[in-house]
Amino acid sequence: MKKGDFFWLAGLAAFIIILVFPASREIFVKFTAKHAYLGGFIKFFILATMGELLAVRIATSDWDIPKGLPYRAF
């Protein structure tokens, strides 16, 4: 495993931890319920970006940030 693998896993673990603990999950759910579009955009931004980075890692065996990632993210 490379150093980037640990960073990617740490990001995924942080997102999972937010959803596992009841206190932080409640805040997350309330925010998403109150601001549905913004909450959905944030979730999509995080998970899609992580998926894009993982796809590049699998395809090239190296952690490269794809060209145009910021443009596709927004």
Protein backbone atom coordinates (compact mmCIF):
# COMPACT_ATOMS: atom_id res chain seq x y z
CA MET A 1 0.00 0.00 0.00
CA LYS A 2 1.14 3.47 -0.80
CA LYS A 3 0.90 6.55 1.38
CA GLY A 4 -1.99 7.87 -0.71
CA ASP A 5 -3.99 4.73 0.04
CA PHE A 6 -3.98 5.59 3.72
CA PHE A 7 -5.14 9.15 3.02
CA TRP A 8 -7.99 7.86 0.86
CA LEU A 9 -9.01 5.32 3.48
CA ALA A 10 -8.81 7.98 6.20
CA GLY A 11 -11.17 10.21 4.21
CA LEU A 12 -13.61 7.37 3.72
CA ALA A 13 -13.35 6.41 7.39
CA ALA A 14 -14.03 10.01 8.44
CA PHE A 15 -17.19 10.09 6.33
CA ILE A 16 -18.31 6.74 7.76
CA ILE A 17 -17.57 7.82 11.34
CA ILE A 18 -19.76 10.89 10.87
CA LEU A 19 -22.62 8.60 9.90
CA VAL A 20 -22.00 5.96 12.58
CA PHE A 21 -22.05 8.08 15.73
CA PRO A 22 -25.59 9.12 16.67
CA ALA A 23 -24.74 12.70 17.66
CA SER A 24 -22.92 13.56 14.45
CA ARG A 25 -25.41 11.58 12.35
CA GLU A 26 -28.27 13.60 13.82
CA ILE A 27 -26.52 16.86 12.93
CA PHE A 28 -25.84 15.54 9.45
CA VAL A 29 -29.45 14.41 8.97
CA LYS A 30 -30.86 17.70 10.29
CA PHE A 31 -28.59 19.68 7.97
CA THR A 32 -29.58 17.52 5.02
CA ALA A 33 -33.27 17.83 5.88
CA LYS A 34 -33.07 21.59 6.31
CA HIS A 35 -30.89 22.21 3.24
CA ALA A 36 -31.72 19.31 0.93
CA TYR A 37 -30.02 20.55 -2.22
CA LEU A 38 -26.90 21.81 -0.50
CA GLY A 39 -26.60 18.65 1.59
CA GLY A 40 -27.04 16.48 -1.48
CA PHE A 41 -24.46 18.50 -3.37
CA ILE A 42 -21.93 18.15 -0.54
CA LYS A 43 -22.49 14.39 -0.29
CA PHE A 44 -22.21 13.99 -4.05
CA PHE A 45 -19.08 16.16 -4.17
CA ILE A 46 -17.31 14.11 -1.50
CA LEU A 47 -18.30 10.65 -2.69
CA ALA A 48 -17.94 11.33 -6.43
CA THR A 49 -14.52 12.90 -5.97
CA MET A 50 -13.37 9.96 -3.88
CA GLY A 51 -14.73 7.57 -6.52
CA GLU A 52 -12.94 9.44 -9.29
CA LEU A 53 -9.66 9.32 -7.39
CA LEU A 54 -10.10 5.61 -6.68
CA ALA A 55 -10.84 4.90 -10.35
CA VAL A 56 -7.62 6.65 -11.38
CA ARG A 57 -5.71 4.72 -8.71
CA ILE A 58 -7.05 1.39 -9.98
CA ALA A 59 -6.42 2.24 -13.63
CA THR A 60 -2.90 3.64 -13.28
CA SER A 61 -1.65 2.11 -10.00
CA ASP A 62 -0.73 5.60 -8.88
CA TRP A 63 -2.48 8.48 -7.18
CA ASP A 64 -2.89 11.15 -9.83
CA ILE A 65 -5.37 13.98 -9.71
CA PRO A 66 -7.22 13.87 -13.03
CA LYS A 67 -7.14 16.96 -15.20
CA GLY A 68 -10.25 19.04 -14.81
CA LEU A 69 -11.25 17.55 -11.46
CA PRO A 70 -12.13 20.94 -9.90
CA TYR A 71 -14.24 21.82 -12.93
CA ARG A 72 -16.12 18.53 -12.79
CA ALA A 73 -16.58 18.82 -9.04
CA PHE A 74 -18.39 22.14 -9.36
